[in-house]
Amino acid sequence: MKKVKYYYNTQSLRYEKYEVSLKTRVLRAVGFISAALVFALIIVALAYTYLDSPKEKGLKREISELQLQYDNLNDQLNQMQEVLSDIQDRDDNIYRVIFEAEPIPNSVRQAGSGGVNRYRELMNYDNGELMTSTAKKLDQIRRGLYIQSKSFDQISELIKGKEQVLASIPAIQPVSNKNLKHIASGFGMRIDPIYKIPKMHEGLDFSAAVGTPVYATGNGTVSQVEYGNTGYGNHIVLSHMVGYQSMYAHLSRIVVREGQKVNRGDLIGYVGSTGKSTAPHLHYEVWKSGTKLDPINFFFNDLTPAQYEEMLKIADQSNQSFD
């Protein structure tokens, strides 16, 4: 049975039956329904925000597994990069040093590949940063392996021609011991015989009589023949393998021509005193890739340890040069 409600009318001073109008009932119904809808929408929004559907949970698990695989792949790539860096270091500082080959510049080894556009496309994905980092590492390793493969091909060729390389390196005295009076001046700061001031002497002066034979110190090609009365006077430049060159100056006579092939020990000229020279001698220089080196370090094929030690003492004396 429906309850009847009454209220106390202060005007009539009696209880009267309370009746709700149709408009009020409609408004209350609309308000209740609206509140219910709002509450329902809030619940749905919270559920979509904080609660995952079974499908979403499955996708998130797949994403998590993929990210873990990417992390593992990056760890493996880092290990591969370390191994490749070690191989590159050995290549530059051991293998290429042994075979007198120039190291590969870092700018070549570290050059990137793959293209910027490719990386930009990867950044559009949710895990774009991780994917881009992995792609770059793969490109660097791929590039490094390609360059290293080419380097090993070159080293392989050098190994095959090692005997030729060793034969081409200047490794004997240009003047025979039996004809050699002494080493007049060594490599380093010496007193200039003309200007009487300290000056860098970039070779060795072998004192010998005019007409003493001069020999090629290594296999090579005659790259320069010059005649003159100043500077080095009559002189020869031989080009050897792996960047070596040797120069023979102040000759009285030259018996080779430019472009001629010579072997170690071949006669190329005779001692003289042409050019800027104060006495008959041979001025001898060794160059490596344009840098002048102390020739005293290149007589390992020609002297006993005792003879080499004695030569070092003589060449180290701070005396006056002959040119």
Protein backbone atom coordinates (compact mmCIF):
# COMPACT_ATOMS: atom_id res chain seq x y z
CA MET A 1 0.00 0.00 0.00
CA LYS A 2 1.38 3.35 -1.03
CA LYS A 3 2.32 5.61 1.81
CA VAL A 4 0.51 8.92 2.03
CA LYS A 5 2.62 11.91 3.07
CA TYR A 6 1.35 14.90 4.98
CA TYR A 7 2.85 18.22 5.85
CA TYR A 8 1.92 20.91 8.39
CA ASN A 9 0.47 24.02 6.77
CA THR A 10 1.46 27.04 8.81
CA GLN A 11 -1.16 29.11 7.11
CA SER A 12 -4.12 26.92 7.92
CA LEU A 13 -2.56 25.47 11.04
CA ARG A 14 -3.42 21.90 10.12
CA TYR A 15 -1.93 18.87 8.43
CA GLU A 16 -2.60 18.57 4.77
CA LYS A 17 -1.96 15.82 2.29
CA TYR A 18 1.34 16.28 0.38
CA GLU A 19 0.97 15.79 -3.32
CA VAL A 20 3.86 15.98 -5.88
CA SER A 21 3.09 17.62 -9.19
CA LEU A 22 3.62 15.87 -12.49
CA LYS A 23 6.26 18.44 -13.47
CA THR A 24 8.23 17.79 -10.32
CA ARG A 25 8.03 14.03 -10.82
CA VAL A 26 9.24 14.43 -14.42
CA LEU A 27 12.14 16.67 -13.38
CA ARG A 28 13.15 14.26 -10.66
CA ALA A 29 13.07 11.35 -13.10
CA VAL A 30 15.14 13.26 -15.64
CA GLY A 31 17.65 14.29 -12.96
CA PHE A 32 18.00 10.72 -11.73
CA ILE A 33 18.50 9.37 -15.23
CA SER A 34 21.02 12.11 -16.06
CA ALA A 35 22.99 11.45 -12.89
CA ALA A 36 22.98 7.74 -13.64
CA LEU A 37 24.23 8.34 -17.19
CA VAL A 38 26.98 10.67 -15.98
CA PHE A 39 28.03 8.18 -13.34
CA ALA A 40 27.99 5.39 -15.92
CA LEU A 41 30.11 7.43 -18.32
CA ILE A 42 32.65 8.14 -15.56
CA ILE A 43 32.84 4.45 -14.73
CA VAL A 44 33.32 3.53 -18.41
CA ALA A 45 36.00 6.24 -18.86
CA LEU A 46 37.89 5.06 -15.79
CA ALA A 47 37.59 1.47 -16.95
CA TYR A 48 39.00 2.33 -20.40
CA THR A 49 41.75 4.40 -18.84
CA TYR A 50 42.95 2.11 -16.07
CA LEU A 51 41.58 -1.29 -16.95
CA ASP A 52 42.78 -3.26 -19.99
CA SER A 53 40.67 -5.53 -22.07
CA PRO A 54 41.96 -9.07 -22.64
CA LYS A 55 43.04 -8.05 -26.14
CA GLU A 56 44.89 -5.01 -24.84
CA LYS A 57 46.59 -7.12 -22.19
CA GLY A 58 47.75 -9.54 -24.88
CA LEU A 59 49.07 -6.73 -27.06
CA LYS A 60 50.92 -5.19 -24.14
CA ARG A 61 52.52 -8.53 -23.37
CA GLU A 62 53.66 -8.79 -26.99
CA ILE A 63 55.08 -5.23 -26.87
CA SER A 64 56.90 -6.02 -23.63
CA GLU A 65 58.39 -9.18 -25.16
CA LEU A 66 59.43 -7.30 -28.30
CA GLN A 67 61.10 -4.58 -26.22
CA LEU A 68 62.95 -7.25 -24.24
CA GLN A 69 64.11 -8.83 -27.49
CA TYR A 70 65.24 -5.42 -28.76
CA ASP A 71 67.19 -4.88 -25.53
CA ASN A 72 68.84 -8.29 -25.90
CA LEU A 73 69.61 -7.52 -29.55
CA ASN A 74 71.19 -4.21 -28.56
CA ASP A 75 73.36 -5.98 -25.97
CA GLN A 76 74.52 -8.43 -28.64
CA LEU A 77 75.19 -5.57 -31.06
CA ASN A 78 77.26 -3.78 -28.41
CA GLN A 79 79.32 -6.94 -27.93
CA MET A 80 79.77 -7.25 -31.69
CA GLN A 81 80.90 -3.62 -31.87
CA GLU A 82 83.50 -4.27 -29.15
CA VAL A 83 84.83 -7.31 -31.03
CA LEU A 84 84.89 -5.35 -34.31
CA SER A 85 86.70 -2.44 -32.61
CA ASP A 86 89.32 -4.87 -31.28
CA ILE A 87 89.81 -6.34 -34.78
CA GLN A 88 90.11 -2.83 -36.25
CA ASP A 89 92.68 -1.88 -33.62
CA ARG A 90 94.73 -5.00 -34.37
CA ASP A 91 94.44 -4.30 -38.09
CA ASP A 92 95.72 -0.72 -37.78
CA ASN A 93 98.37 -1.21 -35.08
CA ILE A 94 99.66 -4.73 -35.73
CA TYR A 95 98.87 -6.18 -39.14
CA ARG A 96 99.30 -2.95 -41.11
CA VAL A 97 102.39 -1.97 -39.14
CA ILE A 98 103.98 -5.33 -39.93
CA PHE A 99 103.32 -4.92 -43.65
CA GLU A 100 104.16 -1.20 -43.76
CA ALA A 101 100.62 -0.23 -44.79
CA GLU A 102 98.89 3.00 -43.82
CA PRO A 103 96.11 2.60 -41.21
CA ILE A 104 92.53 3.14 -42.36
CA PRO A 105 91.33 6.63 -41.25
CA ASN A 106 88.68 6.72 -38.52
CA SER A 107 86.54 8.93 -40.75
CA VAL A 108 86.29 6.00 -43.19
CA ARG A 109 85.72 3.34 -40.53
CA GLN A 110 83.04 5.33 -38.70
CA ALA A 111 81.16 6.58 -41.76
CA GLY A 112 77.42 5.95 -41.42
CA SER A 113 75.04 4.32 -43.85
CA GLY A 114 71.34 3.58 -44.19
CA GLY A 115 70.15 7.09 -44.94
CA VAL A 116 68.56 9.75 -42.74
CA ASN A 117 65.12 9.26 -44.32
CA ARG A 118 65.04 5.65 -43.17
CA TYR A 119 65.64 6.67 -39.56
CA ARG A 120 63.02 9.41 -39.78
CA GLU A 121 60.41 6.84 -40.82
CA LEU A 122 61.31 4.63 -37.86
CA MET A 123 60.72 7.53 -35.45
CA ASN A 124 57.02 7.46 -36.36
CA TYR A 125 56.56 4.22 -34.39
CA ASP A 126 55.77 4.10 -30.66
CA ASN A 127 59.19 2.57 -29.94
CA GLY A 128 60.86 4.60 -32.69
CA GLU A 129 63.83 5.68 -30.57
CA LEU A 130 64.72 2.09 -29.71
CA MET A 131 64.23 0.93 -33.29
CA THR A 132 66.32 3.81 -34.66
CA SER A 133 69.16 3.11 -32.22
CA THR A 134 69.18 -0.56 -33.21
CA ALA A 135 69.06 0.23 -36.94
CA LYS A 136 71.99 2.65 -36.63
CA LYS A 137 74.10 0.07 -34.78
CA LEU A 138 73.33 -2.53 -37.43
CA ASP A 139 74.32 -0.10 -40.18
CA GLN A 140 77.58 0.79 -38.41
CA ILE A 141 78.50 -2.86 -37.89
CA ARG A 142 77.57 -3.74 -41.48
CA ARG A 143 79.69 -0.84 -42.76
CA GLY A 144 82.59 -1.71 -40.42
CA LEU A 145 82.56 -5.36 -41.48
CA TYR A 146 82.58 -4.39 -45.15
CA ILE A 147 85.56 -2.06 -44.69
CA GLN A 148 87.37 -4.61 -42.54
CA SER A 149 86.80 -7.29 -45.17
CA LYS A 150 88.37 -5.03 -47.80
CA SER A 151 91.25 -4.30 -45.45
CA PHE A 152 91.91 -8.01 -44.92
CA ASP A 153 91.85 -8.49 -48.69
CA GLN A 154 94.59 -5.87 -48.93
CA ILE A 155 96.56 -7.47 -46.07
CA SER A 156 96.21 -10.84 -47.83
CA GLU A 157 97.78 -9.35 -50.96
CA LEU A 158 100.55 -7.82 -48.87
CA ILE A 159 101.23 -11.21 -47.31
CA LYS A 160 101.58 -12.73 -50.76
CA GLY A 161 103.98 -9.96 -51.73
CA LYS A 162 105.79 -9.76 -48.39
CA GLU A 163 109.03 -10.99 -49.94
CA GLN A 164 108.85 -8.22 -52.54
CA VAL A 165 108.04 -5.66 -49.84
CA LEU A 166 111.02 -6.71 -47.71
CA ALA A 167 113.30 -6.60 -50.76
CA SER A 168 112.16 -3.06 -51.57
CA ILE A 169 112.77 -1.52 -48.13
CA PRO A 170 116.13 0.33 -48.02
CA ALA A 171 118.16 -2.05 -45.87
CA ILE A 172 121.86 -1.90 -46.85
CA GLN A 173 124.58 0.73 -46.96
CA PRO A 174 124.73 2.62 -50.26
CA VAL A 175 128.54 2.46 -50.12
CA SER A 176 130.38 -0.81 -49.54
CA ASN A 177 132.32 -1.13 -46.28
CA LYS A 178 135.54 -1.83 -48.18
CA ASN A 179 135.29 1.53 -49.94
CA LEU A 180 133.96 3.47 -46.96
CA LYS A 181 136.36 5.77 -45.12
CA HIS A 182 133.90 6.72 -42.38
CA ILE A 183 130.52 8.30 -41.72
CA ALA A 184 131.29 11.99 -41.78
CA SER A 185 128.02 13.21 -40.35
CA GLY A 186 124.85 11.65 -38.98
CA PHE A 187 121.16 12.56 -38.92
CA GLY A 188 120.17 15.55 -36.74
CA MET A 189 121.35 19.05 -35.88
CA ARG A 190 124.84 19.62 -37.33
CA ILE A 191 127.08 22.59 -38.13
CA ASP A 192 126.54 23.79 -41.70
CA PRO A 193 129.97 23.73 -43.49
CA ILE A 194 129.20 26.92 -45.43
CA TYR A 195 127.24 29.10 -43.02
CA LYS A 196 128.80 27.70 -39.81
CA ILE A 197 125.47 27.64 -37.98
CA PRO A 198 123.47 24.72 -36.51
CA LYS A 199 121.16 23.26 -39.16
CA MET A 200 119.07 20.12 -39.48
CA HIS A 201 121.00 17.45 -41.39
CA GLU A 202 118.36 15.12 -42.85
CA GLY A 203 120.57 12.22 -43.92
CA LEU A 204 123.93 10.48 -43.55
CA ASP A 205 127.20 11.61 -45.13
CA PHE A 206 129.42 8.70 -46.24
CA SER A 207 133.01 9.84 -46.80
CA ALA A 208 134.58 8.07 -49.80
CA ALA A 209 136.84 8.83 -52.73
CA VAL A 210 135.47 10.29 -55.95
CA GLY A 211 134.40 7.46 -58.22
CA THR A 212 133.45 5.07 -55.40
CA PRO A 213 130.45 2.95 -56.52
CA VAL A 214 127.03 3.79 -55.06
CA TYR A 215 124.44 1.02 -54.83
CA ALA A 216 120.64 0.95 -54.61
CA THR A 217 119.65 0.07 -51.03
CA GLY A 218 116.39 -1.61 -52.03
CA ASN A 219 114.37 -2.74 -55.04
CA GLY A 220 112.54 0.11 -56.70
CA THR A 221 112.12 2.49 -59.60
CA VAL A 222 114.27 5.50 -60.47
CA SER A 223 111.73 8.28 -59.99
CA GLN A 224 114.09 11.25 -60.30
CA VAL A 225 117.48 12.00 -61.87
CA GLU A 226 118.80 15.55 -61.45
CA TYR A 227 122.03 17.22 -62.54
CA GLY A 228 123.26 20.49 -61.07
CA ASN A 229 125.97 22.53 -59.36
CA THR A 230 123.89 23.69 -56.37
CA GLY A 231 122.08 22.01 -53.52
CA TYR A 232 122.24 18.24 -53.83
CA GLY A 233 124.16 18.49 -57.09
CA ASN A 234 123.83 15.37 -59.23
CA HIS A 235 121.40 13.17 -57.36
CA ILE A 236 119.00 10.23 -57.72
CA VAL A 237 115.69 9.42 -56.02
CA LEU A 238 114.47 5.82 -55.92
CA SER A 239 110.84 4.98 -55.15
CA HIS A 240 110.31 1.72 -53.27
CA MET A 241 107.14 -0.08 -52.13
CA VAL A 242 104.82 0.93 -49.24
CA GLY A 243 105.77 4.62 -49.37
CA TYR A 244 109.57 4.40 -49.04
CA GLN A 245 111.99 6.52 -51.06
CA SER A 246 115.78 6.87 -50.95
CA MET A 247 117.95 9.72 -52.20
CA TYR A 248 121.64 9.69 -53.25
CA ALA A 249 123.28 13.12 -53.64
CA HIS A 250 126.50 14.86 -54.78
CA LEU A 251 127.29 12.10 -57.32
CA SER A 252 130.10 12.50 -59.83
CA ARG A 253 128.33 10.26 -62.34
CA ILE A 254 124.88 8.67 -62.70
CA VAL A 255 124.41 5.39 -64.57
CA VAL A 256 120.61 4.99 -64.40
CA ARG A 257 117.72 6.81 -66.03
CA GLU A 258 114.26 7.85 -64.83
CA GLY A 259 111.72 5.01 -64.91
CA GLN A 260 114.39 2.31 -64.77
CA LYS A 261 113.78 -0.67 -62.44
CA VAL A 262 116.65 -1.46 -60.07
CA ASN A 263 117.29 -4.15 -57.48
CA ARG A 264 118.99 -3.91 -54.12
CA GLY A 265 122.75 -3.84 -54.70
CA ASP A 266 122.59 -2.57 -58.30
CA LEU A 267 125.11 0.10 -59.27
CA ILE A 268 123.36 3.45 -59.76
CA GLY A 269 126.17 6.01 -59.66
CA TYR A 270 129.54 7.11 -58.27
CA VAL A 271 130.55 9.24 -55.29
CA GLY A 272 131.43 12.86 -56.10
CA SER A 273 131.35 16.37 -54.65
CA THR A 274 128.84 18.17 -56.90
CA GLY A 275 126.46 20.82 -55.61
CA LYS A 276 126.75 22.26 -52.09
CA SER A 277 129.57 20.00 -50.94
CA THR A 278 132.90 20.63 -49.19
CA ALA A 279 134.50 17.20 -49.80
CA PRO A 280 133.88 14.01 -51.76
CA HIS A 281 131.06 12.10 -50.06
CA LEU A 282 127.63 10.58 -50.57
CA HIS A 283 124.68 12.30 -48.89
CA TYR A 284 122.04 9.59 -48.35
CA GLU A 285 118.42 10.04 -47.20
CA VAL A 286 115.47 7.71 -46.51
CA TRP A 287 111.88 8.96 -46.72
CA LYS A 288 108.63 7.29 -45.62
CA SER A 289 105.46 8.84 -47.03
CA GLY A 290 107.31 12.15 -47.41
CA THR A 291 108.81 12.15 -43.89
CA LYS A 292 112.59 12.00 -43.67
CA LEU A 293 113.89 9.25 -41.36
CA ASP A 294 117.29 8.51 -39.86
CA PRO A 295 118.95 6.14 -42.39
CA ILE A 296 121.05 4.61 -39.60
CA ASN A 297 117.99 2.54 -38.67
CA PHE A 298 117.90 0.82 -42.08
CA PHE A 299 121.21 -1.04 -42.27
CA PHE A 300 119.99 -4.25 -40.62
CA ASN A 301 120.84 -6.38 -43.69
CA ASP A 302 124.42 -5.15 -43.94
CA LEU A 303 126.06 -4.98 -40.51
CA THR A 304 126.80 -7.21 -37.56
CA PRO A 305 125.46 -6.03 -34.16
CA ALA A 306 128.96 -4.84 -33.19
CA GLN A 307 129.39 -2.91 -36.45
CA TYR A 308 125.95 -1.37 -36.10
CA GLU A 309 126.69 -0.27 -32.52
CA GLU A 310 129.94 1.37 -33.66
CA MET A 311 128.16 3.11 -36.52
CA LEU A 312 125.55 4.50 -34.11
CA LYS A 313 128.29 6.05 -31.97
CA ILE A 314 129.96 7.67 -34.98
CA ALA A 315 126.70 8.97 -36.47
CA ASP A 316 125.64 10.45 -33.13
CA GLN A 317 128.61 12.80 -32.93
CA SER A 318 127.66 16.48 -33.20
CA ASN A 319 130.22 17.36 -35.85
CA GLN A 320 130.16 19.43 -39.02
CA SER A 321 128.34 18.02 -42.05
CA PHE A 322 129.83 17.93 -45.56
CA ASP A 323 126.84 19.64 -47.19
